[in-house]
Amino acid sequence: MLHVLAVLAAAVLFGTTGTSQALGPEGTTPLSIGVMRMVIGGTGLALIAFALAARHAKRPGAAPRPSLGVRPVALMTLTGLCLAVYQPLFFLGTERNGVAVGTVVALGSAPILAGLLEWAITRRMPTPTWMAATALATLGVVLLGAGGSAGDTGGTDPIGLLGSVGAGATFAIIANAQRRLLDEGWDPFTVVGGMGASSAAIAAVGLPFVDLAWLGTTSGLAMALWLGIATISIAYVLFTWGLSGLTAATAATLTLGEPLTASVLGIVVLGERLSTLALVGLVVLAAGLALLAWGSRAPRDPVPFAVEG
């Protein structure tokens, strides 16, 4: 149950992203915020996670760390690349189709794609509880998005749709790659530290190409630190530790707590008003997350990945 709570806590932190940006200074762009968020967050994530990994390795009875070969380095770099790529894809979807539709497609597709990818890797079908909870939570996200965008009469932009689905796919890859590393004996802190270091290095390449004048303001600095440290560094340590006791599909579905958090903050902090349909979506989404949390009380399969022939 603690692993479930850790992933849910990470989802809550993820869900503060939109509100933090809305309360930030003028003159920002999605790309500049995303790059700065990755540089700060990825660096902080690496520092925190590697420190915890070193402490974990010194504990009595700790399992020896596997050899650092090409495969684990490649998988950790892949997660960092996906973390860095997620943001421009996500913002492409919201820019083309609006925040509601873009968020719905990205977050709604992530658990489905994670479950399908895990099935392709392990050759095992997800549990009935996961399928029911994911269907219920995804329906809640769809209702939430439909209710929030009721006044939008424009069609769905295919490029924006691809961007949102791509964002969902990157998160699915992260969950499955990390799950694979954990199953091969790597401790969760080393796994997430590798992701943070590689994502920060990749994002740093974009620093000379974005306007960071807003970072000189008090509100801009506060926003950057919160988005980096809270929603990346701390959130992904919680997420990856929680993932060590769950399947990738379950963890991805639990992150649907992000739109639930974002919606509540929008109402309470930003004064947004949701339609009746959107409120129904919130209730359905919460029910799906509760079902998944209840169904995840049992320990996960000790051998989640089938031996490949």
Protein backbone atom coordinates (compact mmCIF):
# COMPACT_ATOMS: atom_id res chain seq x y z
CA MET A 1 0.00 0.00 0.00
CA LEU A 2 2.93 2.36 0.65
CA HIS A 3 4.04 1.96 -2.95
CA VAL A 4 0.56 2.97 -4.12
CA LEU A 5 0.63 6.04 -1.88
CA ALA A 6 4.09 6.98 -3.17
CA VAL A 7 2.92 6.95 -6.79
CA LEU A 8 -0.24 8.86 -5.87
CA ALA A 9 1.87 11.46 -4.06
CA ALA A 10 4.01 11.80 -7.18
CA ALA A 11 0.85 12.26 -9.26
CA VAL A 12 -0.31 15.03 -6.91
CA LEU A 13 3.01 16.83 -7.39
CA PHE A 14 2.78 16.34 -11.16
CA GLY A 15 -0.70 17.84 -11.01
CA THR A 16 0.56 21.14 -9.61
CA THR A 17 2.45 21.92 -12.84
CA GLY A 18 -0.34 23.77 -14.66
CA THR A 19 -1.30 25.88 -11.66
CA SER A 20 2.35 26.78 -11.02
CA GLN A 21 2.70 27.96 -14.60
CA ALA A 22 -0.55 29.95 -14.39
CA LEU A 23 0.72 31.74 -11.28
CA GLY A 24 4.12 32.41 -12.84
CA PRO A 25 5.37 35.66 -14.42
CA GLU A 26 4.59 36.96 -17.88
CA GLY A 27 7.03 36.49 -20.75
CA THR A 28 7.43 32.74 -20.33
CA THR A 29 7.04 30.15 -23.09
CA PRO A 30 6.27 26.45 -22.76
CA LEU A 31 9.67 25.59 -24.24
CA SER A 32 11.66 27.88 -21.92
CA ILE A 33 9.77 26.60 -18.86
CA GLY A 34 10.19 23.01 -19.99
CA VAL A 35 13.93 23.34 -20.60
CA MET A 36 14.56 25.08 -17.27
CA ARG A 37 12.35 22.61 -15.45
CA MET A 38 14.35 19.69 -16.84
CA VAL A 39 17.75 21.25 -16.10
CA ILE A 40 16.85 22.06 -12.48
CA GLY A 41 14.69 19.01 -11.91
CA GLY A 42 16.96 16.52 -13.64
CA THR A 43 20.04 17.78 -11.79
CA GLY A 44 18.23 17.74 -8.44
CA LEU A 45 16.82 14.31 -9.20
CA ALA A 46 20.29 12.92 -9.93
CA LEU A 47 21.80 14.44 -6.76
CA ILE A 48 19.00 13.21 -4.47
CA ALA A 49 18.67 9.79 -6.05
CA PHE A 50 22.37 8.97 -6.23
CA ALA A 51 22.80 10.03 -2.58
CA LEU A 52 19.95 7.71 -1.58
CA ALA A 53 21.42 4.95 -3.75
CA ALA A 54 24.79 5.22 -2.00
CA ARG A 55 23.08 5.10 1.39
CA HIS A 56 20.98 2.13 0.29
CA ALA A 57 24.09 0.23 -0.87
CA LYS A 58 25.69 0.58 2.60
CA ARG A 59 22.76 -0.97 4.42
CA PRO A 60 23.43 -4.39 6.01
CA GLY A 61 22.18 -7.18 3.78
CA ALA A 62 21.78 -4.94 0.74
CA ALA A 63 21.96 -6.87 -2.51
CA PRO A 64 25.08 -6.24 -4.59
CA ARG A 65 24.60 -3.81 -7.46
CA PRO A 66 24.58 -5.44 -10.92
CA SER A 67 27.40 -4.75 -13.34
CA LEU A 68 27.05 -1.47 -15.21
CA GLY A 69 27.06 -2.58 -18.83
CA VAL A 70 25.79 -1.18 -22.10
CA ARG A 71 22.22 -2.37 -21.57
CA PRO A 72 21.44 -0.66 -18.22
CA VAL A 73 23.17 2.54 -19.34
CA ALA A 74 21.12 2.50 -22.55
CA LEU A 75 17.87 1.97 -20.64
CA MET A 76 18.62 4.77 -18.15
CA THR A 77 19.55 7.11 -20.99
CA LEU A 78 16.34 6.14 -22.78
CA THR A 79 14.27 7.15 -19.74
CA GLY A 80 16.10 10.49 -19.57
CA LEU A 81 15.50 11.10 -23.26
CA CYS A 82 11.80 10.27 -22.87
CA LEU A 83 11.52 12.60 -19.87
CA ALA A 84 13.10 15.43 -21.87
CA VAL A 85 10.99 14.75 -24.99
CA TYR A 86 7.71 14.45 -23.05
CA GLN A 87 7.34 18.17 -22.46
CA PRO A 88 7.55 19.54 -26.03
CA LEU A 89 5.21 16.77 -27.19
CA PHE A 90 2.76 17.53 -24.38
CA PHE A 91 2.83 21.26 -25.05
CA LEU A 92 2.42 20.66 -28.79
CA GLY A 93 -0.80 18.80 -28.05
CA THR A 94 -2.16 21.47 -25.71
CA GLU A 95 -1.17 24.28 -28.09
CA ARG A 96 -2.92 22.68 -31.07
CA ASN A 97 -6.01 21.26 -29.34
CA GLY A 98 -6.29 23.16 -26.07
CA VAL A 99 -5.30 22.22 -22.54
CA ALA A 100 -8.34 20.02 -21.86
CA VAL A 101 -8.16 17.85 -24.99
CA GLY A 102 -4.36 17.72 -25.05
CA THR A 103 -4.15 16.70 -21.40
CA VAL A 104 -6.91 14.12 -21.76
CA VAL A 105 -5.23 12.42 -24.71
CA ALA A 106 -1.73 12.46 -23.17
CA LEU A 107 -2.68 11.29 -19.68
CA GLY A 108 -5.47 9.01 -20.84
CA SER A 109 -3.25 7.22 -23.37
CA ALA A 110 -0.29 6.70 -20.98
CA PRO A 111 -1.74 3.86 -18.83
CA ILE A 112 -3.23 2.11 -21.87
CA LEU A 113 0.06 2.26 -23.76
CA ALA A 114 2.00 1.23 -20.64
CA GLY A 115 -0.24 -1.80 -20.19
CA LEU A 116 0.05 -2.79 -23.86
CA LEU A 117 3.83 -2.35 -23.83
CA GLU A 118 4.14 -4.38 -20.65
CA TRP A 119 2.00 -7.11 -22.20
CA ALA A 120 4.22 -7.12 -25.31
CA ILE A 121 7.34 -7.46 -23.14
CA THR A 122 6.07 -9.94 -20.57
CA ARG A 123 3.55 -11.80 -22.76
CA ARG A 124 1.06 -11.64 -19.88
CA MET A 125 -2.32 -9.98 -19.91
CA PRO A 126 -2.94 -7.25 -17.32
CA THR A 127 -5.13 -8.24 -14.38
CA PRO A 128 -8.91 -7.80 -14.59
CA THR A 129 -8.71 -5.27 -11.75
CA TRP A 130 -6.21 -3.19 -13.72
CA MET A 131 -8.37 -3.33 -16.85
CA ALA A 132 -11.52 -2.31 -14.95
CA ALA A 133 -9.78 0.44 -12.98
CA THR A 134 -8.00 1.80 -16.05
CA ALA A 135 -11.24 1.83 -18.06
CA LEU A 136 -13.03 3.65 -15.24
CA ALA A 137 -10.21 6.17 -14.69
CA THR A 138 -9.79 6.80 -18.41
CA LEU A 139 -13.53 7.37 -18.77
CA GLY A 140 -13.29 9.91 -15.95
CA VAL A 141 -10.46 11.74 -17.73
CA VAL A 142 -12.46 11.79 -20.98
CA LEU A 143 -15.54 13.17 -19.22
CA LEU A 144 -13.39 15.73 -17.44
CA GLY A 145 -11.87 16.88 -20.72
CA ALA A 146 -15.17 16.90 -22.59
CA GLY A 147 -16.84 18.92 -19.86
CA GLY A 148 -13.97 21.37 -19.70
CA SER A 149 -13.95 22.01 -23.45
CA ALA A 150 -17.69 22.14 -24.08
CA GLY A 151 -17.47 25.59 -25.64
CA ASP A 152 -14.78 24.61 -28.15
CA THR A 153 -16.25 24.20 -31.62
CA GLY A 154 -12.99 23.58 -33.51
CA GLY A 155 -11.94 20.18 -34.83
CA THR A 156 -9.12 18.10 -33.42
CA ASP A 157 -5.76 18.89 -34.99
CA PRO A 158 -4.03 15.63 -36.07
CA ILE A 159 -0.51 16.93 -35.40
CA GLY A 160 -1.54 18.00 -31.91
CA LEU A 161 -3.19 14.61 -31.42
CA LEU A 162 0.04 12.85 -32.39
CA GLY A 163 1.94 15.08 -29.99
CA SER A 164 -0.34 14.16 -27.09
CA VAL A 165 -0.23 10.44 -27.88
CA GLY A 166 3.55 10.71 -28.22
CA ALA A 167 3.71 12.27 -24.76
CA GLY A 168 1.67 9.39 -23.38
CA ALA A 169 3.97 6.92 -25.15
CA THR A 170 7.11 8.46 -23.63
CA PHE A 171 5.68 8.03 -20.14
CA ALA A 172 4.74 4.42 -20.95
CA ILE A 173 8.30 3.75 -22.08
CA ILE A 174 9.72 5.32 -18.91
CA ALA A 175 7.53 3.13 -16.68
CA ASN A 176 8.40 -0.07 -18.53
CA ALA A 177 12.12 0.65 -18.91
CA GLN A 178 12.42 1.45 -15.22
CA ARG A 179 10.41 -1.64 -14.30
CA ARG A 180 12.82 -3.75 -16.37
CA LEU A 181 15.87 -2.25 -14.64
CA LEU A 182 14.31 -2.86 -11.23
CA ASP A 183 13.62 -6.48 -12.14
CA GLU A 184 17.26 -6.91 -13.17
CA GLY A 185 18.41 -5.99 -9.65
CA TRP A 186 19.01 -2.24 -9.88
CA ASP A 187 17.82 -0.27 -6.88
CA PRO A 188 15.14 2.35 -7.66
CA PHE A 189 17.32 5.31 -6.68
CA THR A 190 20.10 4.45 -9.12
CA VAL A 191 17.50 3.94 -11.84
CA VAL A 192 15.84 7.32 -11.32
CA GLY A 193 19.19 9.06 -10.79
CA GLY A 194 20.35 7.88 -14.19
CA MET A 195 17.15 9.24 -15.73
CA GLY A 196 17.62 12.60 -14.03
CA ALA A 197 21.25 13.01 -15.05
CA SER A 198 20.60 12.13 -18.70
CA SER A 199 17.47 14.30 -18.95
CA ALA A 200 19.30 17.32 -17.48
CA ALA A 201 22.17 16.87 -19.91
CA ILE A 202 19.82 16.62 -22.88
CA ALA A 203 17.75 19.65 -21.81
CA ALA A 204 20.88 21.75 -21.16
CA VAL A 205 21.60 21.65 -24.90
CA GLY A 206 18.52 23.83 -25.43
CA LEU A 207 19.43 26.55 -22.90
CA PRO A 208 21.15 28.88 -25.42
CA PHE A 209 18.07 28.81 -27.65
CA VAL A 210 15.38 29.95 -25.16
CA ASP A 211 14.62 33.30 -23.48
CA LEU A 212 15.12 32.98 -19.73
CA ALA A 213 14.71 36.66 -18.78
CA TRP A 214 11.72 35.70 -16.60
CA LEU A 215 14.06 33.68 -14.39
CA GLY A 216 15.40 36.97 -12.96
CA THR A 217 12.10 37.73 -11.23
CA THR A 218 11.17 36.43 -7.79
CA SER A 219 8.02 34.71 -9.06
CA GLY A 220 9.91 33.26 -12.02
CA LEU A 221 12.64 31.79 -9.84
CA ALA A 222 10.10 30.40 -7.37
CA MET A 223 8.14 28.80 -10.23
CA ALA A 224 11.28 27.26 -11.75
CA LEU A 225 12.44 25.84 -8.42
CA TRP A 226 9.02 24.37 -7.63
CA LEU A 227 8.57 22.89 -11.10
CA GLY A 228 12.08 21.47 -11.05
CA ILE A 229 12.57 20.26 -7.49
CA ALA A 230 9.01 19.38 -6.44
CA THR A 231 7.43 18.16 -9.69
CA ILE A 232 10.55 16.45 -11.07
CA SER A 233 13.20 15.71 -8.41
CA ILE A 234 10.95 14.68 -5.53
CA ALA A 235 8.06 13.42 -7.65
CA TYR A 236 10.12 11.00 -9.70
CA VAL A 237 11.96 9.63 -6.66
CA LEU A 238 8.55 8.84 -5.18
CA PHE A 239 7.27 7.45 -8.49
CA THR A 240 10.22 5.14 -9.09
CA TRP A 241 10.29 3.87 -5.51
CA GLY A 242 6.57 3.19 -5.75
CA LEU A 243 7.12 1.44 -9.09
CA SER A 244 9.46 -1.02 -7.35
CA GLY A 245 6.40 -2.59 -5.72
CA LEU A 246 3.92 -2.29 -8.60
CA THR A 247 3.58 -3.19 -12.24
CA ALA A 248 4.29 -0.51 -14.84
CA ALA A 249 0.63 -0.60 -15.91
CA THR A 250 -0.64 -0.07 -12.36
CA ALA A 251 1.79 2.79 -11.71
CA ALA A 252 0.83 4.50 -14.97
CA THR A 253 -2.86 4.26 -14.12
CA LEU A 254 -2.27 5.70 -10.65
CA THR A 255 -0.69 8.76 -12.26
CA LEU A 256 -4.16 9.65 -13.53
CA GLY A 257 -4.37 11.31 -10.14
CA GLU A 258 -2.53 14.14 -11.92
CA PRO A 259 -5.57 15.51 -13.82
CA LEU A 260 -7.65 15.04 -10.67
CA THR A 261 -5.19 17.22 -8.74
CA ALA A 262 -4.94 19.76 -11.55
CA SER A 263 -8.72 20.10 -11.71
CA VAL A 264 -9.10 20.58 -7.96
CA LEU A 265 -6.35 23.22 -7.92
CA GLY A 266 -7.95 24.95 -10.88
CA ILE A 267 -11.21 25.28 -8.94
CA VAL A 268 -9.76 26.17 -5.54
CA VAL A 269 -6.70 28.26 -6.48
CA LEU A 270 -7.43 29.68 -9.94
CA GLY A 271 -11.18 30.06 -9.51
CA GLU A 272 -12.08 27.95 -12.54
CA ARG A 273 -15.59 26.58 -12.85
CA LEU A 274 -16.23 23.08 -14.13
CA SER A 275 -19.34 21.89 -15.90
CA THR A 276 -21.57 19.17 -14.47
CA LEU A 277 -20.06 16.68 -16.92
CA ALA A 278 -16.55 17.56 -15.77
CA LEU A 279 -17.55 17.15 -12.12
CA VAL A 280 -18.97 13.72 -12.94
CA GLY A 281 -15.64 12.94 -14.60
CA LEU A 282 -13.81 13.84 -11.40
CA VAL A 283 -15.95 11.43 -9.39
CA VAL A 284 -15.51 8.62 -11.96
CA LEU A 285 -11.75 9.21 -12.09
CA ALA A 286 -11.48 9.13 -8.30
CA ALA A 287 -13.49 5.87 -8.25
CA GLY A 288 -11.10 4.30 -10.76
CA LEU A 289 -8.06 5.27 -8.71
CA ALA A 290 -9.69 3.95 -5.53
CA LEU A 291 -10.43 0.63 -7.25
CA LEU A 292 -6.85 0.33 -8.44
CA ALA A 293 -5.45 1.18 -5.00
CA TRP A 294 -7.72 -1.47 -3.43
CA GLY A 295 -6.74 -4.06 -6.01
CA SER A 296 -3.03 -3.35 -5.55
CA ARG A 297 -2.93 -4.45 -1.91
CA ALA A 298 -1.58 -7.85 -2.89
CA PRO A 299 2.17 -8.10 -3.64
CA ARG A 300 3.19 -7.96 -7.28
CA ASP A 301 4.41 -11.02 -9.17
CA PRO A 302 8.04 -11.67 -8.14
CA VAL A 303 8.95 -12.53 -11.75
CA PRO A 304 7.07 -9.94 -13.81
CA PHE A 305 9.06 -10.33 -17.01
CA ALA A 306 8.93 -13.61 -18.86
CA VAL A 307 12.22 -15.18 -19.89
CA GLU A 308 12.74 -14.39 -23.54
CA GLY A 309 13.51 -17.31 -25.77
